[in-house]
N, C-alpha and C. Protein backbone atom coordinates (compact mmCIF):
# COMPACT_ATOMS: atom_id res chain seq x y z
N MET A 1 189.48 122.88 134.36
CA MET A 1 189.58 121.95 135.48
C MET A 1 189.16 120.56 135.00
N LYS A 2 189.94 119.58 135.36
CA LYS A 2 189.65 118.20 134.99
C LYS A 2 188.53 117.66 135.87
N THR A 3 187.63 116.93 135.25
CA THR A 3 186.56 116.32 136.01
C THR A 3 186.95 114.91 136.40
N LEU A 4 186.12 114.28 137.19
CA LEU A 4 186.39 112.92 137.66
C LEU A 4 186.47 111.94 136.49
N LEU A 5 185.67 112.14 135.46
CA LEU A 5 185.62 111.21 134.34
C LEU A 5 186.53 111.59 133.18
N ALA A 6 187.31 112.64 133.34
CA ALA A 6 188.20 113.06 132.25
C ALA A 6 189.34 112.06 132.09
N ASN A 7 189.81 111.91 130.86
CA ASN A 7 190.92 111.01 130.57
C ASN A 7 192.21 111.82 130.61
N PRO A 8 193.12 111.55 131.55
CA PRO A 8 194.34 112.35 131.67
C PRO A 8 195.39 112.04 130.60
N TRP A 9 195.19 110.98 129.81
CA TRP A 9 196.16 110.57 128.81
C TRP A 9 195.72 111.00 127.43
N GLU A 10 196.68 111.23 126.55
CA GLU A 10 196.37 111.60 125.18
C GLU A 10 196.33 110.36 124.30
N LYS A 11 195.57 110.44 123.21
CA LYS A 11 195.48 109.32 122.29
C LYS A 11 196.88 108.95 121.80
N GLY A 12 197.19 107.67 121.82
CA GLY A 12 198.49 107.19 121.40
C GLY A 12 199.41 106.83 122.54
N GLN A 13 199.14 107.34 123.74
CA GLN A 13 199.96 106.98 124.90
C GLN A 13 199.55 105.59 125.39
N PHE A 14 200.48 104.90 126.01
CA PHE A 14 200.25 103.52 126.43
C PHE A 14 199.05 103.39 127.37
N GLU A 15 198.87 104.32 128.28
CA GLU A 15 197.82 104.25 129.29
C GLU A 15 196.47 104.74 128.79
N TYR A 16 196.43 105.35 127.61
CA TYR A 16 195.20 105.99 127.11
C TYR A 16 194.06 104.99 126.95
N ARG A 17 194.33 103.84 126.36
CA ARG A 17 193.27 102.88 126.03
C ARG A 17 192.54 102.39 127.28
N ARG A 18 193.29 102.03 128.30
CA ARG A 18 192.68 101.54 129.53
C ARG A 18 191.84 102.64 130.19
N ALA A 19 192.37 103.86 130.23
CA ALA A 19 191.63 104.97 130.84
C ALA A 19 190.39 105.33 130.03
N ARG A 20 190.51 105.31 128.72
CA ARG A 20 189.36 105.64 127.85
C ARG A 20 188.28 104.57 127.97
N ARG A 21 188.69 103.33 128.04
CA ARG A 21 187.72 102.24 128.19
C ARG A 21 186.95 102.40 129.51
N ARG A 22 187.68 102.68 130.59
CA ARG A 22 187.04 102.89 131.89
C ARG A 22 186.10 104.10 131.85
N GLN A 23 186.54 105.18 131.20
CA GLN A 23 185.74 106.39 131.09
C GLN A 23 184.43 106.12 130.34
N GLN A 24 184.52 105.41 129.20
CA GLN A 24 183.32 105.14 128.40
C GLN A 24 182.36 104.22 129.14
N LEU A 25 182.88 103.25 129.89
CA LEU A 25 182.02 102.35 130.66
C LEU A 25 181.31 103.12 131.77
N CYS A 26 182.01 104.00 132.47
CA CYS A 26 181.39 104.80 133.54
C CYS A 26 180.30 105.71 132.98
N LEU A 27 180.57 106.35 131.85
CA LEU A 27 179.57 107.22 131.25
C LEU A 27 178.35 106.43 130.77
N ALA A 28 178.58 105.24 130.22
CA ALA A 28 177.46 104.40 129.78
C ALA A 28 176.61 103.99 130.98
N LEU A 29 177.26 103.61 132.07
CA LEU A 29 176.51 103.21 133.27
C LEU A 29 175.72 104.37 133.86
N ILE A 30 176.31 105.56 133.86
CA ILE A 30 175.60 106.74 134.37
C ILE A 30 174.36 107.01 133.53
N CYS A 31 174.50 106.98 132.21
CA CYS A 31 173.35 107.20 131.33
C CYS A 31 172.29 106.13 131.52
N PHE A 32 172.71 104.89 131.70
CA PHE A 32 171.76 103.81 131.92
C PHE A 32 170.98 104.01 133.23
N VAL A 33 171.69 104.40 134.29
CA VAL A 33 171.03 104.61 135.58
C VAL A 33 170.04 105.78 135.49
N ILE A 34 170.42 106.85 134.80
CA ILE A 34 169.52 107.99 134.64
C ILE A 34 168.28 107.59 133.84
N ALA A 35 168.48 106.85 132.74
CA ALA A 35 167.35 106.41 131.93
C ALA A 35 166.43 105.51 132.75
N ALA A 36 167.01 104.58 133.48
CA ALA A 36 166.21 103.67 134.30
C ALA A 36 165.47 104.43 135.40
N ALA A 37 166.11 105.45 135.98
CA ALA A 37 165.47 106.24 137.04
C ALA A 37 164.25 106.98 136.49
N PHE A 38 164.36 107.56 135.30
CA PHE A 38 163.21 108.25 134.69
C PHE A 38 162.06 107.27 134.43
N VAL A 39 162.38 106.13 133.86
CA VAL A 39 161.33 105.15 133.53
C VAL A 39 160.66 104.64 134.80
N VAL A 40 161.44 104.28 135.81
CA VAL A 40 160.88 103.75 137.05
C VAL A 40 160.08 104.83 137.78
N ALA A 41 160.61 106.06 137.83
CA ALA A 41 159.88 107.15 138.49
C ALA A 41 158.55 107.41 137.80
N GLY A 42 158.55 107.43 136.49
CA GLY A 42 157.29 107.64 135.75
C GLY A 42 156.31 106.53 136.00
N TRP A 43 156.78 105.32 136.04
CA TRP A 43 155.88 104.19 136.27
C TRP A 43 155.33 104.21 137.70
N LEU A 44 156.19 104.57 138.68
CA LEU A 44 155.73 104.62 140.08
C LEU A 44 154.73 105.75 140.32
N ILE A 45 154.93 106.86 139.63
CA ILE A 45 154.04 108.01 139.84
C ILE A 45 152.70 107.81 139.16
N TRP A 46 152.73 107.40 137.87
CA TRP A 46 151.49 107.32 137.09
C TRP A 46 151.00 105.89 136.86
N HIS A 47 151.74 104.90 137.24
CA HIS A 47 151.37 103.48 137.10
C HIS A 47 151.04 103.10 135.65
N THR A 48 151.76 103.73 134.73
CA THR A 48 151.58 103.42 133.31
C THR A 48 152.86 103.77 132.56
N ASN A 49 153.05 103.16 131.42
CA ASN A 49 154.22 103.48 130.60
C ASN A 49 154.03 104.75 129.79
N ARG A 50 152.82 105.21 129.70
CA ARG A 50 152.53 106.42 128.92
C ARG A 50 152.49 107.63 129.83
N ASN A 51 153.69 108.21 130.04
CA ASN A 51 153.77 109.38 130.90
C ASN A 51 154.89 110.28 130.41
N VAL A 52 154.96 111.47 130.97
CA VAL A 52 155.92 112.47 130.52
C VAL A 52 157.36 112.10 130.86
N LEU A 53 157.61 111.32 131.88
CA LEU A 53 158.97 110.95 132.25
C LEU A 53 159.56 109.85 131.35
N MET A 54 158.74 109.22 130.55
CA MET A 54 159.26 108.21 129.61
C MET A 54 160.08 108.86 128.51
N VAL A 55 159.75 110.07 128.11
CA VAL A 55 160.46 110.74 127.01
C VAL A 55 161.94 110.97 127.35
N PRO A 56 162.26 111.65 128.47
CA PRO A 56 163.69 111.81 128.78
C PRO A 56 164.36 110.46 129.09
N GLY A 57 163.60 109.52 129.65
CA GLY A 57 164.17 108.20 129.91
C GLY A 57 164.57 107.50 128.63
N LEU A 58 163.71 107.57 127.63
CA LEU A 58 164.03 106.94 126.35
C LEU A 58 165.12 107.71 125.60
N LEU A 59 165.14 109.02 125.75
CA LEU A 59 166.18 109.80 125.08
C LEU A 59 167.56 109.55 125.68
N MET A 60 167.63 109.17 126.94
CA MET A 60 168.92 108.87 127.57
C MET A 60 169.50 107.55 127.07
N VAL A 61 168.69 106.77 126.37
CA VAL A 61 169.20 105.53 125.79
C VAL A 61 170.19 105.83 124.66
N LEU A 62 170.01 106.95 123.96
CA LEU A 62 170.90 107.30 122.86
C LEU A 62 172.34 107.54 123.32
N PRO A 63 172.59 108.41 124.31
CA PRO A 63 173.98 108.55 124.76
C PRO A 63 174.51 107.26 125.40
N PHE A 64 173.63 106.50 126.07
CA PHE A 64 174.05 105.22 126.64
C PHE A 64 174.58 104.31 125.53
N ALA A 65 173.85 104.20 124.44
CA ALA A 65 174.27 103.35 123.33
C ALA A 65 175.55 103.86 122.70
N ASN A 66 175.69 105.18 122.58
CA ASN A 66 176.90 105.77 121.99
C ASN A 66 178.13 105.43 122.84
N PHE A 67 178.04 105.62 124.14
CA PHE A 67 179.17 105.30 125.03
C PHE A 67 179.46 103.80 125.04
N LEU A 68 178.41 102.99 124.99
CA LEU A 68 178.61 101.55 125.01
C LEU A 68 179.28 101.05 123.74
N VAL A 69 178.90 101.60 122.59
CA VAL A 69 179.53 101.21 121.32
C VAL A 69 181.01 101.60 121.31
N THR A 70 181.32 102.78 121.81
CA THR A 70 182.72 103.20 121.90
C THR A 70 183.50 102.28 122.83
N TYR A 71 182.90 101.92 123.95
CA TYR A 71 183.55 101.00 124.88
C TYR A 71 183.84 99.65 124.20
N ILE A 72 182.88 99.14 123.48
CA ILE A 72 183.06 97.84 122.81
C ILE A 72 184.14 97.94 121.75
N ALA A 73 184.17 99.05 120.99
CA ALA A 73 185.19 99.22 119.96
C ALA A 73 186.59 99.29 120.56
N ILE A 74 186.72 99.97 121.69
CA ILE A 74 188.02 100.10 122.35
C ILE A 74 188.42 98.78 123.02
N ALA A 75 187.45 98.08 123.57
CA ALA A 75 187.75 96.84 124.29
C ALA A 75 188.12 95.70 123.35
N ASP A 76 187.91 95.87 122.06
CA ASP A 76 188.18 94.82 121.09
C ASP A 76 189.66 94.46 121.00
N GLY A 77 190.53 95.43 121.12
CA GLY A 77 191.96 95.19 120.97
C GLY A 77 192.59 94.52 122.18
N LYS A 78 193.80 94.04 121.98
CA LYS A 78 194.54 93.37 123.05
C LYS A 78 195.74 94.24 123.41
N GLU A 79 195.96 94.44 124.70
CA GLU A 79 197.09 95.26 125.14
C GLU A 79 198.41 94.52 124.98
N LEU A 80 199.46 95.30 124.82
CA LEU A 80 200.80 94.72 124.77
C LEU A 80 201.15 94.09 126.11
N LEU A 81 201.90 93.02 126.06
CA LEU A 81 202.39 92.41 127.29
C LEU A 81 203.46 93.31 127.90
N PRO A 82 203.66 93.26 129.23
CA PRO A 82 204.66 94.14 129.87
C PRO A 82 206.06 94.01 129.26
N GLU A 83 206.49 92.78 128.92
CA GLU A 83 207.83 92.62 128.34
C GLU A 83 207.89 93.21 126.92
N GLN A 84 206.77 93.16 126.19
CA GLN A 84 206.74 93.80 124.87
C GLN A 84 206.81 95.32 125.02
N HIS A 85 206.10 95.83 126.01
CA HIS A 85 206.12 97.28 126.24
C HIS A 85 207.53 97.74 126.61
N GLU A 86 208.23 96.96 127.40
CA GLU A 86 209.61 97.31 127.77
C GLU A 86 210.52 97.40 126.55
N ARG A 87 210.31 96.54 125.58
CA ARG A 87 211.17 96.51 124.40
C ARG A 87 210.97 97.73 123.50
N VAL A 88 209.82 98.39 123.59
CA VAL A 88 209.59 99.58 122.77
C VAL A 88 209.63 100.87 123.60
N ARG A 89 209.95 100.75 124.88
CA ARG A 89 209.94 101.92 125.76
C ARG A 89 210.89 103.03 125.29
N VAL A 90 212.04 102.67 124.73
CA VAL A 90 213.00 103.68 124.29
C VAL A 90 212.39 104.55 123.18
N TYR A 91 211.55 103.98 122.34
CA TYR A 91 210.88 104.75 121.29
C TYR A 91 209.75 105.59 121.88
N GLU A 92 209.11 105.07 122.91
CA GLU A 92 208.06 105.82 123.60
C GLU A 92 208.64 107.06 124.27
N GLU A 93 209.79 106.90 124.92
CA GLU A 93 210.43 108.01 125.62
C GLU A 93 210.90 109.09 124.67
N SER A 94 211.24 108.72 123.44
CA SER A 94 211.68 109.73 122.48
C SER A 94 210.51 110.30 121.67
N GLY A 95 209.28 109.88 121.98
CA GLY A 95 208.09 110.43 121.33
C GLY A 95 207.83 109.88 119.94
N MET A 96 208.39 108.72 119.62
CA MET A 96 208.22 108.13 118.30
C MET A 96 207.17 107.02 118.27
N CYS A 97 206.62 106.65 119.41
CA CYS A 97 205.78 105.46 119.51
C CYS A 97 204.34 105.84 119.88
N LEU A 98 203.39 105.23 119.20
CA LEU A 98 201.97 105.38 119.51
C LEU A 98 201.40 103.99 119.81
N PHE A 99 200.55 103.90 120.81
CA PHE A 99 200.01 102.62 121.23
C PHE A 99 198.51 102.55 121.02
N HIS A 100 198.00 101.34 120.83
CA HIS A 100 196.58 101.02 120.87
C HIS A 100 195.74 101.91 119.96
N LEU A 101 196.12 102.02 118.71
CA LEU A 101 195.36 102.81 117.76
C LEU A 101 194.34 101.92 117.05
N THR A 102 193.16 102.46 116.83
CA THR A 102 192.15 101.76 116.06
C THR A 102 191.96 102.53 114.77
N GLU A 103 192.52 102.02 113.69
CA GLU A 103 192.43 102.67 112.39
C GLU A 103 191.07 102.33 111.79
N VAL A 104 190.37 103.34 111.32
CA VAL A 104 189.06 103.15 110.70
C VAL A 104 189.17 103.56 109.25
N ASP A 105 188.88 102.61 108.34
CA ASP A 105 188.99 102.95 106.92
C ASP A 105 187.72 103.67 106.46
N GLU A 106 187.69 104.03 105.18
CA GLU A 106 186.57 104.81 104.66
C GLU A 106 185.27 104.02 104.60
N LYS A 107 185.34 102.70 104.68
CA LYS A 107 184.14 101.86 104.70
C LYS A 107 183.65 101.61 106.12
N GLY A 108 184.36 102.14 107.11
CA GLY A 108 183.97 101.98 108.51
C GLY A 108 184.56 100.74 109.17
N ARG A 109 185.38 99.98 108.44
CA ARG A 109 186.01 98.81 109.05
C ARG A 109 187.13 99.26 109.97
N ARG A 110 187.29 98.56 111.07
CA ARG A 110 188.29 98.94 112.06
C ARG A 110 189.42 97.93 112.08
N GLN A 111 190.63 98.44 112.26
CA GLN A 111 191.79 97.59 112.42
C GLN A 111 192.59 98.10 113.60
N TYR A 112 192.86 97.23 114.52
CA TYR A 112 193.54 97.59 115.76
C TYR A 112 195.05 97.45 115.57
N LEU A 113 195.80 98.51 115.84
CA LEU A 113 197.25 98.49 115.77
C LEU A 113 197.79 98.59 117.19
N ASP A 114 198.46 97.54 117.67
CA ASP A 114 198.93 97.50 119.05
C ASP A 114 200.00 98.55 119.33
N CYS A 115 200.98 98.66 118.43
CA CYS A 115 202.11 99.56 118.64
C CYS A 115 202.59 100.05 117.29
N THR A 116 202.78 101.35 117.16
CA THR A 116 203.23 101.95 115.90
C THR A 116 204.39 102.89 116.20
N VAL A 117 205.51 102.70 115.51
CA VAL A 117 206.66 103.57 115.64
C VAL A 117 206.75 104.43 114.38
N ILE A 118 206.86 105.74 114.60
CA ILE A 118 206.97 106.69 113.50
C ILE A 118 208.41 107.17 113.43
N TYR A 119 209.01 107.04 112.28
CA TYR A 119 210.37 107.55 112.09
C TYR A 119 210.39 108.33 110.79
N GLN A 120 211.54 108.93 110.46
CA GLN A 120 211.58 109.84 109.32
C GLN A 120 211.26 109.16 107.99
N GLY A 121 211.44 107.84 107.89
CA GLY A 121 211.19 107.14 106.64
C GLY A 121 209.83 106.50 106.52
N GLY A 122 209.10 106.38 107.60
CA GLY A 122 207.79 105.75 107.52
C GLY A 122 207.24 105.31 108.87
N LEU A 123 206.36 104.35 108.80
CA LEU A 123 205.68 103.83 109.97
C LEU A 123 205.89 102.32 110.03
N VAL A 124 206.15 101.82 111.23
CA VAL A 124 206.28 100.39 111.45
C VAL A 124 205.29 100.04 112.56
N ALA A 125 204.36 99.12 112.27
CA ALA A 125 203.32 98.81 113.24
C ALA A 125 203.33 97.32 113.57
N TYR A 126 202.92 97.03 114.81
CA TYR A 126 202.71 95.65 115.23
C TYR A 126 201.23 95.46 115.46
N CYS A 127 200.69 94.40 114.87
CA CYS A 127 199.28 94.08 115.00
C CYS A 127 199.17 92.61 115.36
N SER A 128 198.64 92.30 116.53
CA SER A 128 198.60 90.92 116.99
C SER A 128 197.54 90.08 116.29
N ARG A 129 196.47 90.73 115.81
CA ARG A 129 195.40 89.98 115.15
C ARG A 129 195.02 90.65 113.84
N ILE A 130 195.46 90.02 112.74
CA ILE A 130 195.10 90.56 111.43
C ILE A 130 195.31 89.45 110.40
N THR A 131 194.43 89.40 109.41
CA THR A 131 194.59 88.43 108.32
C THR A 131 195.53 89.03 107.28
N PRO A 132 196.21 88.18 106.49
CA PRO A 132 197.10 88.72 105.46
C PRO A 132 196.40 89.66 104.47
N GLU A 133 195.16 89.33 104.10
CA GLU A 133 194.42 90.18 103.16
C GLU A 133 194.12 91.54 103.80
N ARG A 134 193.64 91.51 105.03
CA ARG A 134 193.31 92.76 105.73
C ARG A 134 194.58 93.56 106.00
N LYS A 135 195.71 92.89 106.20
CA LYS A 135 196.99 93.57 106.42
C LYS A 135 197.35 94.41 105.20
N ARG A 136 197.26 93.84 104.00
CA ARG A 136 197.56 94.58 102.77
C ARG A 136 196.60 95.74 102.58
N GLU A 137 195.30 95.50 102.84
CA GLU A 137 194.30 96.56 102.70
C GLU A 137 194.58 97.71 103.65
N THR A 138 194.91 97.40 104.89
CA THR A 138 195.17 98.43 105.89
C THR A 138 196.42 99.23 105.53
N GLU A 139 197.49 98.53 105.12
CA GLU A 139 198.72 99.23 104.74
C GLU A 139 198.45 100.19 103.58
N THR A 140 197.77 99.72 102.55
CA THR A 140 197.46 100.56 101.39
C THR A 140 196.57 101.73 101.77
N ASP A 141 195.52 101.46 102.56
CA ASP A 141 194.59 102.51 102.96
C ASP A 141 195.28 103.60 103.77
N VAL A 142 196.09 103.21 104.75
CA VAL A 142 196.76 104.20 105.60
C VAL A 142 197.76 105.01 104.77
N ILE A 143 198.51 104.35 103.89
CA ILE A 143 199.49 105.07 103.06
C ILE A 143 198.79 106.11 102.20
N LEU A 144 197.69 105.74 101.55
CA LEU A 144 196.96 106.69 100.69
C LEU A 144 196.36 107.83 101.50
N ARG A 145 195.80 107.51 102.65
CA ARG A 145 195.18 108.57 103.46
C ARG A 145 196.22 109.50 104.08
N LEU A 146 197.38 108.97 104.46
CA LEU A 146 198.45 109.84 104.97
C LEU A 146 198.99 110.72 103.86
N ARG A 147 199.12 110.16 102.67
CA ARG A 147 199.60 110.94 101.53
C ARG A 147 198.64 112.09 101.23
N SER A 148 197.33 111.86 101.33
CA SER A 148 196.36 112.92 101.07
C SER A 148 196.42 114.01 102.15
N LYS A 149 196.96 113.69 103.32
CA LYS A 149 197.10 114.68 104.40
C LYS A 149 198.48 115.33 104.40
N GLY A 150 199.30 115.03 103.38
CA GLY A 150 200.60 115.67 103.26
C GLY A 150 201.74 114.94 103.95
N SER A 151 201.55 113.68 104.31
CA SER A 151 202.60 112.88 104.93
C SER A 151 202.85 111.63 104.07
N PRO A 152 203.70 111.75 103.06
CA PRO A 152 203.94 110.60 102.16
C PRO A 152 204.87 109.56 102.79
N LEU A 153 204.36 108.81 103.74
CA LEU A 153 205.16 107.81 104.44
C LEU A 153 204.66 106.41 104.12
N ARG A 154 205.56 105.44 104.22
CA ARG A 154 205.20 104.04 104.04
C ARG A 154 204.76 103.46 105.38
N LEU A 155 203.98 102.38 105.31
CA LEU A 155 203.56 101.65 106.51
C LEU A 155 203.83 100.18 106.28
N LYS A 156 204.43 99.55 107.26
CA LYS A 156 204.65 98.11 107.24
C LYS A 156 204.09 97.55 108.54
N ILE A 157 203.16 96.59 108.42
CA ILE A 157 202.55 95.96 109.59
C ILE A 157 203.17 94.59 109.79
N TYR A 158 203.59 94.32 111.03
CA TYR A 158 204.15 93.03 111.40
C TYR A 158 203.16 92.32 112.33
N THR A 159 203.04 90.99 112.15
CA THR A 159 202.16 90.21 113.01
C THR A 159 202.93 89.39 114.04
N ASP A 160 204.22 89.28 113.87
CA ASP A 160 205.08 88.56 114.80
C ASP A 160 205.91 89.59 115.57
N PHE A 161 205.83 89.58 116.90
CA PHE A 161 206.51 90.60 117.69
C PHE A 161 208.03 90.49 117.59
N GLU A 162 208.56 89.28 117.46
CA GLU A 162 210.02 89.12 117.33
C GLU A 162 210.52 89.75 116.03
N GLU A 163 209.79 89.53 114.96
CA GLU A 163 210.15 90.14 113.68
C GLU A 163 210.04 91.67 113.77
N TYR A 164 209.00 92.13 114.45
CA TYR A 164 208.80 93.56 114.68
C TYR A 164 209.97 94.14 115.48
N SER A 165 210.40 93.43 116.51
CA SER A 165 211.54 93.89 117.33
C SER A 165 212.82 93.97 116.52
N ARG A 166 213.04 92.99 115.65
CA ARG A 166 214.23 93.03 114.79
C ARG A 166 214.19 94.25 113.87
N ARG A 167 213.00 94.56 113.35
CA ARG A 167 212.88 95.74 112.48
C ARG A 167 213.11 97.02 113.28
N LEU A 168 212.63 97.07 114.50
CA LEU A 168 212.84 98.25 115.34
C LEU A 168 214.32 98.45 115.68
N SER A 169 215.06 97.36 115.80
CA SER A 169 216.49 97.49 116.12
C SER A 169 217.26 98.19 115.00
N GLU A 170 216.69 98.22 113.80
CA GLU A 170 217.31 98.92 112.67
C GLU A 170 216.99 100.41 112.65
N ILE A 171 216.04 100.83 113.48
CA ILE A 171 215.60 102.23 113.52
C ILE A 171 216.26 102.92 114.71
N ALA A 172 216.85 104.06 114.45
CA ALA A 172 217.47 104.84 115.53
C ALA A 172 216.38 105.31 116.49
N PRO A 173 216.61 105.20 117.81
CA PRO A 173 215.57 105.58 118.77
C PRO A 173 215.39 107.09 118.94
N GLU A 174 216.11 107.87 118.18
CA GLU A 174 215.95 109.33 118.26
C GLU A 174 215.75 109.88 116.86
N VAL A 175 214.93 110.89 116.77
CA VAL A 175 214.66 111.53 115.49
C VAL A 175 215.69 112.62 115.25
N PRO A 176 216.32 112.62 114.07
CA PRO A 176 217.26 113.72 113.77
C PRO A 176 216.54 115.07 113.81
N ALA A 177 217.24 116.10 114.21
CA ALA A 177 216.63 117.43 114.39
C ALA A 177 215.93 117.93 113.14
N GLU A 178 216.50 117.63 111.96
CA GLU A 178 215.89 118.14 110.72
C GLU A 178 214.60 117.39 110.36
N ASP A 179 214.33 116.23 110.99
CA ASP A 179 213.14 115.44 110.67
C ASP A 179 212.06 115.51 111.75
N VAL A 180 212.26 116.29 112.78
CA VAL A 180 211.30 116.35 113.88
C VAL A 180 209.94 116.83 113.39
N ALA A 181 209.91 117.87 112.59
CA ALA A 181 208.64 118.41 112.08
C ALA A 181 207.92 117.39 111.22
N LYS A 182 208.66 116.65 110.41
CA LYS A 182 208.07 115.63 109.54
C LYS A 182 207.43 114.52 110.37
N VAL A 183 208.11 114.08 111.42
CA VAL A 183 207.59 113.02 112.28
C VAL A 183 206.37 113.52 113.05
N GLU A 184 206.40 114.73 113.54
CA GLU A 184 205.25 115.30 114.26
C GLU A 184 204.04 115.42 113.36
N ARG A 185 204.25 115.86 112.11
CA ARG A 185 203.15 115.97 111.15
C ARG A 185 202.56 114.58 110.84
N ALA A 186 203.44 113.58 110.70
CA ALA A 186 202.98 112.22 110.46
C ALA A 186 202.19 111.68 111.65
N GLU A 187 202.64 112.00 112.86
CA GLU A 187 201.94 111.57 114.07
C GLU A 187 200.54 112.19 114.13
N GLU A 188 200.44 113.48 113.87
CA GLU A 188 199.13 114.15 113.86
C GLU A 188 198.22 113.55 112.81
N SER A 189 198.76 113.29 111.61
CA SER A 189 197.94 112.71 110.54
C SER A 189 197.47 111.32 110.91
N LEU A 190 198.34 110.50 111.48
CA LEU A 190 197.95 109.14 111.87
C LEU A 190 196.91 109.17 112.97
N LEU A 191 197.08 110.03 113.95
CA LEU A 191 196.10 110.11 115.04
C LEU A 191 194.73 110.57 114.52
N SER A 192 194.72 111.39 113.48
CA SER A 192 193.45 111.86 112.93
C SER A 192 192.72 110.73 112.20
N LEU A 193 193.42 109.67 111.78
CA LEU A 193 192.79 108.54 111.10
C LEU A 193 192.24 107.51 112.08
N CYS A 194 192.59 107.64 113.35
CA CYS A 194 192.31 106.59 114.32
C CYS A 194 191.33 107.05 115.39
N LEU A 195 190.67 106.05 116.01
CA LEU A 195 189.78 106.33 117.14
C LEU A 195 190.62 106.61 118.38
């Protein structure tokens, strides 16, 4: 049974990021309120900071910080504009498109990918904010990590949406039947690299 705070969207879907951000903020606020309630109750009962209710109050700061850090990491990226989303909708409907991925390299650095299309020959991603140096590092890192997971695909990151759209127009919006398994394996591998 789904709870009130459950995220109904899967990672990679267009709506996932907004729902996950809301979920993490709600959980952080709940943890904060619980921690504050323990601290205030302990202070009101014993009129000192040294009491038994301070321990659970201070321990609730840990999940609060965890949820807050995740919220900040997710909130860092910028969502696609509605007209940009419309231009890639045909790839989304055919299951070839992943949105709002945060790729984390082995050093812990994060790179936000706004939209990524997976096809039988590789990956094409749009990233609204990236430096040329970081772009090369991210492309190389993702290619090597996908190869180690059994998906030897290329990745090309575009920073201009018009150029990205022109590249997408060269890609068929449907995956050939013989390549469906390859694209699904690449999608699973890419999602495993991302937050």
